[in-house]
Amino acid sequence: MKLAHVSFLEDFGTRSVAVHALMVLAFANAVLAGLFLTGQVGLVSFVALLNFTAGLWVAHSVHSLGHEAAGGEYEGVLNELLDGSTDEAVDGFNTGRFGRLLALVAAVTAIALLTSAQVLPGAVFQIAIVAVGSIAVVTAIIGFLIALGASYDESQRQTVERIERNAETDGGNIDDE
């Protein structure tokens, strides 16, 4: 039985945009709850929403790594939203994609830490620093692995194409005998 709303999410890019939308909603609400709700309700809401965002972020990063390893054509959420394609990976390491990821990680980490400093008491804030920093490092590592894997796969594809072209040119003779 094929359901329309489920089949809509078969495409990795569509799933990625949906997960990113959930992350943006959860993170924005975490910041708003932390800054504008007072007492325990604000504290618990901030921590819960921040943890939910972090969980989505790590899960999506791992999902993206698996998708790239399977030979997916996904080029990042910005390209998915803007319907643009990049050929940066053809020339080597996809620095644009990795740079955007690092900028995003830095911005989200900064906002999370600044909000945490306002909301969380001393000892809990120190735990938050380690937790948020760990999520940032894990995400950056996974992003690097995705970009490196895409670069390696493209290099392998070009090598195979070059070998096939050479085999067609010289008739398959390796030793020229």
Protein backbone atom coordinates (compact mmCIF):
# COMPACT_ATOMS: atom_id res chain seq x y z
CA MET A 1 0.00 0.00 0.00
CA LYS A 2 1.59 3.23 -1.15
CA LEU A 3 0.49 6.36 0.71
CA ALA A 4 0.93 9.77 -0.91
CA HIS A 5 2.29 11.50 2.19
CA VAL A 6 4.77 8.69 2.81
CA SER A 7 5.91 8.38 -0.81
CA PHE A 8 6.52 12.14 -0.79
CA LEU A 9 9.33 11.47 1.71
CA GLU A 10 11.04 8.77 -0.39
CA ASP A 11 13.40 11.37 -1.88
CA PHE A 12 16.36 12.07 0.40
CA GLY A 13 16.34 15.78 -0.45
CA THR A 14 12.70 16.13 0.61
CA ARG A 15 13.40 14.28 3.86
CA SER A 16 16.41 16.49 4.46
CA VAL A 17 14.42 19.69 4.00
CA ALA A 18 11.73 18.35 6.36
CA VAL A 19 14.30 17.45 9.04
CA HIS A 20 16.02 20.83 8.65
CA ALA A 21 12.64 22.55 9.05
CA LEU A 22 12.05 20.60 12.27
CA MET A 23 15.53 21.53 13.51
CA VAL A 24 14.96 25.23 12.80
CA LEU A 25 11.58 25.16 14.55
CA ALA A 26 12.91 23.31 17.59
CA PHE A 27 16.04 25.49 17.88
CA ALA A 28 14.15 28.77 17.47
CA ASN A 29 11.63 27.67 20.09
CA ALA A 30 14.46 26.60 22.42
CA VAL A 31 16.00 30.07 22.20
CA LEU A 32 12.62 31.78 22.63
CA ALA A 33 11.69 29.55 25.58
CA GLY A 34 15.06 30.13 27.20
CA LEU A 35 14.93 33.88 26.88
CA PHE A 36 11.24 34.58 27.49
CA LEU A 37 9.88 31.85 29.77
CA THR A 38 10.83 32.20 33.40
CA GLY A 39 11.42 29.64 36.12
CA GLN A 40 11.57 25.90 35.77
CA VAL A 41 9.22 25.84 32.78
CA GLY A 42 11.61 28.02 30.77
CA LEU A 43 14.64 26.06 31.88
CA VAL A 44 13.15 22.64 31.14
CA SER A 45 11.67 23.82 27.82
CA PHE A 46 15.00 25.28 26.73
CA VAL A 47 16.98 22.16 27.61
CA ALA A 48 14.40 19.77 26.11
CA LEU A 49 14.12 21.65 22.82
CA LEU A 50 17.89 22.13 22.57
CA ASN A 51 18.40 18.39 23.15
CA PHE A 52 15.75 17.55 20.55
CA THR A 53 17.49 19.81 18.03
CA ALA A 54 20.87 18.23 18.80
CA GLY A 55 19.44 14.74 18.40
CA LEU A 56 17.90 15.63 15.05
CA TRP A 57 21.15 17.23 13.93
CA VAL A 58 23.33 14.23 14.74
CA ALA A 59 20.79 11.75 13.37
CA HIS A 60 20.49 13.70 10.12
CA SER A 61 24.26 14.02 9.83
CA VAL A 62 24.68 10.26 10.14
CA HIS A 63 21.79 9.71 7.71
CA SER A 64 23.50 12.08 5.24
CA LEU A 65 26.77 10.19 5.61
CA GLY A 66 25.01 6.93 4.79
CA HIS A 67 23.24 8.51 1.84
CA GLU A 68 26.50 9.84 0.41
CA ALA A 69 28.20 6.47 0.90
CA ALA A 70 25.39 4.82 -1.07
CA GLY A 71 26.12 7.12 -4.02
CA GLY A 72 23.34 9.67 -3.49
CA GLU A 73 23.15 12.79 -5.56
CA TYR A 74 22.20 15.08 -2.65
CA GLU A 75 24.21 18.32 -2.59
CA GLY A 76 23.07 19.93 0.67
CA VAL A 77 19.91 21.58 1.93
CA LEU A 78 20.69 24.99 0.39
CA ASN A 79 21.03 23.51 -3.08
CA GLU A 80 17.88 21.48 -2.44
CA LEU A 81 15.91 24.59 -1.47
CA LEU A 82 17.34 26.80 -4.20
CA ASP A 83 17.24 24.00 -6.78
CA GLY A 84 20.81 24.67 -7.77
CA SER A 85 23.49 22.15 -8.49
CA THR A 86 27.17 22.54 -7.84
CA ASP A 87 30.05 21.00 -9.71
CA GLU A 88 32.58 21.80 -6.98
CA ALA A 89 33.04 18.12 -6.09
CA VAL A 90 34.18 17.39 -9.64
CA ASP A 91 37.37 19.39 -9.06
CA GLY A 92 38.19 17.82 -5.70
CA PHE A 93 37.18 18.35 -2.10
CA ASN A 94 33.80 20.09 -1.90
CA THR A 95 35.02 23.09 0.08
CA GLY A 96 31.86 25.14 -0.50
CA ARG A 97 29.62 22.55 1.10
CA PHE A 98 32.04 21.94 3.95
CA GLY A 99 32.48 25.69 4.51
CA ARG A 100 28.72 26.25 4.68
CA LEU A 101 28.43 23.43 7.19
CA LEU A 102 31.19 24.90 9.38
CA ALA A 103 29.57 28.34 9.25
CA LEU A 104 26.23 26.83 10.23
CA VAL A 105 27.79 24.81 13.06
CA ALA A 106 29.60 27.92 14.35
CA ALA A 107 26.46 30.06 14.25
CA VAL A 108 24.23 27.48 15.93
CA THR A 109 26.89 26.71 18.55
CA ALA A 110 27.35 30.39 19.34
CA ILE A 111 23.62 31.02 19.68
CA ALA A 112 23.17 27.90 21.82
CA LEU A 113 26.04 28.84 24.13
CA LEU A 114 25.00 32.48 24.45
CA THR A 115 21.43 31.48 25.26
CA SER A 116 22.68 28.80 27.66
CA ALA A 117 24.79 31.41 29.47
CA GLN A 118 21.65 33.49 30.01
CA VAL A 119 19.40 30.62 31.06
CA LEU A 120 21.39 27.91 32.82
CA PRO A 121 22.91 28.15 36.29
CA GLY A 122 26.70 27.70 36.78
CA ALA A 123 27.23 23.93 37.00
CA VAL A 124 24.55 23.14 34.43
CA PHE A 125 26.02 25.73 32.07
CA GLN A 126 29.38 23.95 32.22
CA ILE A 127 27.66 20.72 31.23
CA ALA A 128 25.93 22.56 28.39
CA ILE A 129 29.28 23.86 27.10
CA VAL A 130 30.62 20.31 26.85
CA ALA A 131 27.39 18.96 25.33
CA VAL A 132 27.00 21.71 22.73
CA GLY A 133 30.70 21.57 21.89
CA SER A 134 30.53 17.79 21.46
CA ILE A 135 27.58 18.07 19.08
CA ALA A 136 29.44 20.74 17.08
CA VAL A 137 32.58 18.60 16.81
CA VAL A 138 30.66 15.45 15.84
CA THR A 139 28.71 17.38 13.20
CA ALA A 140 31.88 18.95 11.78
CA ILE A 141 33.60 15.56 11.63
CA ILE A 142 30.65 13.96 9.86
CA GLY A 143 30.47 16.90 7.44
CA PHE A 144 34.15 16.49 6.67
CA LEU A 145 33.68 12.77 6.08
CA ILE A 146 30.74 13.45 3.74
CA ALA A 147 32.73 15.97 1.71
CA LEU A 148 35.81 13.74 1.66
CA GLY A 149 33.76 10.68 0.68
CA ALA A 150 32.09 12.56 -2.17
CA SER A 151 35.50 13.74 -3.37
CA TYR A 152 36.91 10.19 -3.23
CA ASP A 153 33.90 8.73 -5.06
CA GLU A 154 34.22 11.33 -7.80
CA SER A 155 37.95 10.61 -8.13
CA GLN A 156 37.25 6.88 -8.43
CA ARG A 157 34.56 7.51 -11.05
CA GLN A 158 36.96 9.66 -13.11
CA THR A 159 39.68 7.00 -12.85
CA VAL A 160 37.34 4.26 -14.08
CA GLU A 161 36.21 6.48 -16.99
CA ARG A 162 39.84 7.23 -17.91
CA ILE A 163 40.74 3.51 -17.85
CA GLU A 164 37.74 2.67 -20.05
CA ARG A 165 38.65 5.45 -22.53
CA ASN A 166 42.25 4.21 -22.69
CA ALA A 167 41.08 0.62 -23.23
CA GLU A 168 38.89 1.74 -26.15
CA THR A 169 41.73 3.81 -27.65
CA ASP A 170 44.44 1.14 -27.64
CA GLY A 171 42.11 -1.78 -28.32
CA GLY A 172 42.55 -3.29 -24.89
CA ASN A 173 46.24 -4.14 -25.37
CA ILE A 174 48.13 -3.42 -22.20
CA ASP A 175 51.63 -4.35 -23.40
CA ASP A 176 51.35 -3.07 -27.01
CA GLU A 177 52.43 -6.44 -28.43
